[in-house]
Protein backbone atom coordinates (compact mmCIF):
# COMPACT_ATOMS: atom_id res chain seq x y z
CA MET A 1 16.08 1.95 23.53
CA ASP A 2 17.43 4.81 21.45
CA THR A 3 15.41 6.48 18.68
CA ARG A 4 17.28 4.81 15.81
CA LYS A 5 16.53 1.34 17.18
CA LYS A 6 12.87 2.24 17.71
CA ILE A 7 12.60 3.43 14.12
CA LEU A 8 14.34 0.28 12.88
CA TRP A 9 11.91 -1.92 14.83
CA PHE A 10 8.97 0.17 13.60
CA CYS A 11 10.08 -0.47 10.00
CA ILE A 12 10.77 -4.18 10.50
CA ILE A 13 7.51 -4.86 12.33
CA GLY A 14 5.59 -2.66 9.88
CA SER A 15 7.01 -4.48 6.87
CA ILE A 16 6.20 -7.89 8.33
CA PHE A 17 2.71 -6.82 9.41
CA VAL A 18 1.80 -5.27 6.03
CA ILE A 19 3.27 -8.16 4.03
CA CYS A 20 1.40 -10.74 6.11
CA LEU A 21 -1.95 -8.95 6.38
CA GLY A 22 -1.77 -7.81 2.75
CA THR A 23 -1.08 -11.33 1.54
CA LEU A 24 -3.92 -12.74 3.63
CA SER A 25 -6.29 -9.97 2.51
CA HIS A 26 -5.91 -11.15 -1.09
CA PHE A 27 -8.54 -13.78 -0.20
CA PHE A 28 -10.95 -11.73 1.97
CA TYR A 29 -13.34 -10.81 -0.86
CA GLU A 30 -13.71 -14.42 -1.98
CA TRP A 31 -14.02 -15.67 1.61
CA SER A 32 -16.75 -13.08 2.28
CA GLY A 33 -18.93 -14.51 -0.47
CA GLU A 34 -18.06 -11.49 -2.65
CA ASN A 35 -19.48 -8.96 -0.21
CA ILE A 36 -19.39 -5.52 -1.85
CA VAL A 37 -18.06 -3.75 1.28
CA VAL A 38 -15.22 -6.25 1.56
CA GLY A 39 -14.61 -5.78 -2.19
CA ILE A 40 -14.20 -2.05 -1.71
CA LEU A 41 -11.71 -2.51 1.14
CA TYR A 42 -9.78 -5.51 -0.17
CA PRO A 43 -8.85 -6.84 -3.63
CA ALA A 44 -11.98 -7.81 -5.57
CA ASN A 45 -10.32 -9.04 -8.76
CA GLU A 46 -6.93 -9.72 -10.33
CA SER A 47 -6.26 -6.24 -11.75
CA VAL A 48 -3.08 -4.38 -10.87
CA TRP A 49 -5.18 -1.70 -9.10
CA GLU A 50 -6.77 -4.28 -6.83
CA HIS A 51 -3.35 -5.66 -5.95
CA LEU A 52 -2.26 -2.20 -4.82
CA LYS A 53 -4.98 -2.47 -2.19
CA LEU A 54 -2.93 -5.24 -0.56
CA ALA A 55 -0.63 -2.49 0.72
CA ILE A 56 -3.05 0.35 1.47
CA LEU A 57 -5.37 -0.76 4.28
CA PRO A 58 -2.74 -2.89 6.08
CA THR A 59 -0.39 0.13 6.08
CA ILE A 60 -3.08 2.44 7.48
CA ILE A 61 -3.99 -0.15 10.13
CA PHE A 62 -0.33 -0.51 11.12
CA TYR A 63 0.29 3.24 11.38
CA ILE A 64 -2.85 3.75 13.47
CA GLY A 65 -2.02 0.76 15.69
CA ALA A 66 1.56 1.91 16.15
CA LEU A 67 0.29 5.14 17.70
CA PHE A 68 -0.63 3.16 20.83
CA PHE A 69 3.02 2.23 21.33
CA ILE A 70 4.89 5.36 20.25
CA LYS A 71 5.73 8.08 22.74
CA ASN A 72 6.83 11.62 21.86
CA ILE A 73 5.83 11.34 18.22
CA ASP A 74 6.98 13.88 15.66
CA TRP A 75 3.68 14.26 13.82
CA GLY A 76 5.18 15.92 10.76
CA ASN A 77 7.62 13.08 10.18
CA TYR A 78 4.95 10.47 10.93
CA ILE A 79 2.51 11.92 8.38
CA VAL A 80 5.18 12.22 5.69
CA ALA A 81 6.35 8.66 6.41
CA LEU A 82 2.75 7.39 6.17
CA PHE A 83 2.26 9.11 2.83
CA PHE A 84 5.39 7.59 1.31
CA THR A 85 4.64 4.17 2.78
CA LEU A 86 1.28 4.32 0.98
CA PHE A 87 2.52 5.97 -2.21
CA LEU A 88 5.73 4.06 -3.03
CA PRO A 89 4.08 0.63 -3.45
CA MET A 90 1.56 2.29 -5.79
CA ILE A 91 4.50 3.20 -8.04
CA ILE A 92 6.83 0.24 -7.52
CA ILE A 93 4.32 -2.61 -7.98
CA PRO A 94 2.94 -1.45 -11.37
CA MET A 95 6.43 -0.44 -12.53
CA ILE A 96 7.78 -3.95 -11.87
CA PHE A 97 4.64 -5.67 -13.18
CA TYR A 98 4.40 -3.78 -16.46
CA SER A 99 8.18 -3.91 -17.00
CA TYR A 100 8.52 -7.65 -16.74
CA THR A 101 5.21 -8.49 -18.47
CA PHE A 102 6.31 -6.35 -21.40
CA PHE A 103 8.94 -9.02 -22.03
CA THR A 104 7.14 -12.15 -20.80
CA THR A 105 3.65 -11.16 -22.10
CA ASN A 106 2.07 -12.77 -19.03
CA SER A 107 2.32 -12.51 -15.28
CA ILE A 108 4.45 -14.80 -13.15
CA LEU A 109 3.08 -15.35 -9.64
CA VAL A 110 6.49 -15.53 -7.95
CA ILE A 111 7.56 -12.21 -9.46
CA ASP A 112 4.23 -10.62 -8.51
CA ILE A 113 4.64 -11.73 -4.90
CA LEU A 114 8.28 -10.61 -4.80
CA SER A 115 7.36 -7.22 -6.27
CA TYR A 116 4.84 -6.76 -3.44
CA VAL A 117 7.39 -7.74 -0.80
CA VAL A 118 10.10 -5.53 -2.33
CA ALA A 119 7.70 -2.57 -2.57
CA ILE A 120 6.68 -2.88 1.09
CA ILE A 121 10.24 -3.27 2.35
CA PHE A 122 11.41 -0.33 0.22
CA ALA A 123 8.49 1.83 1.41
CA PHE A 124 9.16 1.11 5.08
CA SER A 125 12.91 1.64 4.58
CA PHE A 126 12.16 5.04 3.09
CA ALA A 127 9.76 5.72 5.97
CA GLY A 128 12.62 4.97 8.37
CA ILE A 129 14.74 7.64 6.68
CA ILE A 130 11.88 10.13 6.95
CA LEU A 131 11.23 9.28 10.60
CA SER A 132 14.92 9.91 11.32
CA ALA A 133 14.99 13.22 9.46
CA LYS A 134 15.26 16.59 11.13
CA ASP A 135 13.24 19.66 10.21
CA ILE A 136 10.53 18.28 7.91
CA SER A 137 8.95 21.22 6.08
CA GLY A 138 5.42 22.18 7.11
CA VAL A 139 4.56 22.60 3.43
CA LEU A 140 5.66 19.01 2.77
CA VAL A 141 3.46 17.82 5.64
CA ILE A 142 0.45 19.63 4.16
CA PHE A 143 1.12 18.15 0.70
CA CYS A 144 1.40 14.69 2.28
CA ILE A 145 -1.89 15.12 4.17
CA ILE A 146 -3.56 16.05 0.87
CA GLY A 147 -1.86 13.06 -0.79
CA ILE A 148 -3.08 10.68 1.93
CA VAL A 149 -6.64 11.98 1.52
CA ILE A 150 -6.44 11.53 -2.27
CA ILE A 151 -5.09 7.99 -1.90
CA ILE A 152 -7.89 7.08 0.54
CA ILE A 153 -10.58 8.57 -1.73
CA CYS A 154 -9.20 6.68 -4.73
CA TYR A 155 -8.87 3.53 -2.65
CA LEU A 156 -12.50 3.70 -1.54
CA THR A 157 -14.04 4.65 -4.90
CA LEU A 158 -12.05 3.23 -7.81
CA THR A 159 -13.04 -0.38 -7.27
CA TYR A 160 -16.74 0.44 -7.47
CA TYR A 161 -16.31 3.12 -10.15
CA ALA A 162 -13.37 1.59 -12.00
CA PRO A 163 -12.31 3.50 -15.11
CA GLU A 164 -11.83 1.40 -18.22
CA MET A 165 -8.05 1.70 -18.15
CA PHE A 166 -5.35 -0.98 -18.20
CA LEU A 167 -4.55 -0.55 -14.50
CA PHE A 168 -8.11 -1.55 -13.57
CA LEU A 169 -8.56 -4.41 -16.05
CA ASP A 170 -8.82 -7.91 -14.63
CA GLU A 171 -7.26 -9.82 -17.51
CA THR A 172 -8.68 -13.13 -16.24
CA THR A 173 -12.29 -11.92 -16.67
CA ASN A 174 -11.81 -8.89 -18.96
CA LYS A 175 -13.86 -6.84 -16.49
CA TYR A 176 -13.19 -3.70 -14.49
CA GLY A 177 -13.72 -3.25 -10.75
CA LEU A 178 -16.69 -5.00 -9.22
CA ALA A 179 -18.45 -5.31 -12.60
């Protein structure tokens, strides 16, 4: 199979995997009896921040798992693709959510689900472009490594230490994080 087809399959399988595992993970905290460790890793409330977590861990799991099947990997491209696959949903999901709720004044489940699906598909499509690119800058790779570390640190800390900001507010309980 040529490289373009491999990248296409990587993006298709990645999108499906992240959408499915992310959707399922929406319920892990509740199913765990509200275990704090599960709450740190998976959505612990209905805030926008917690819904971003639907994309983060499943994406990391997919990228790590894919390493067992990929031969002759271009590490620079792979790291940059991982960063953008993590980062883009963190921009797209809140952008869609806050844009449409500005007009509707409340959330609509179907639109929320579609925004998640669109964000994941867009992120993996962009990752496909990156994986196909030639001559990724070493400086860009370093910035992306730093970005991945920042995303993981935020991911692991901001549920437990949630700032009192709109992104972290669970409007169903009027609480922040695991409070």
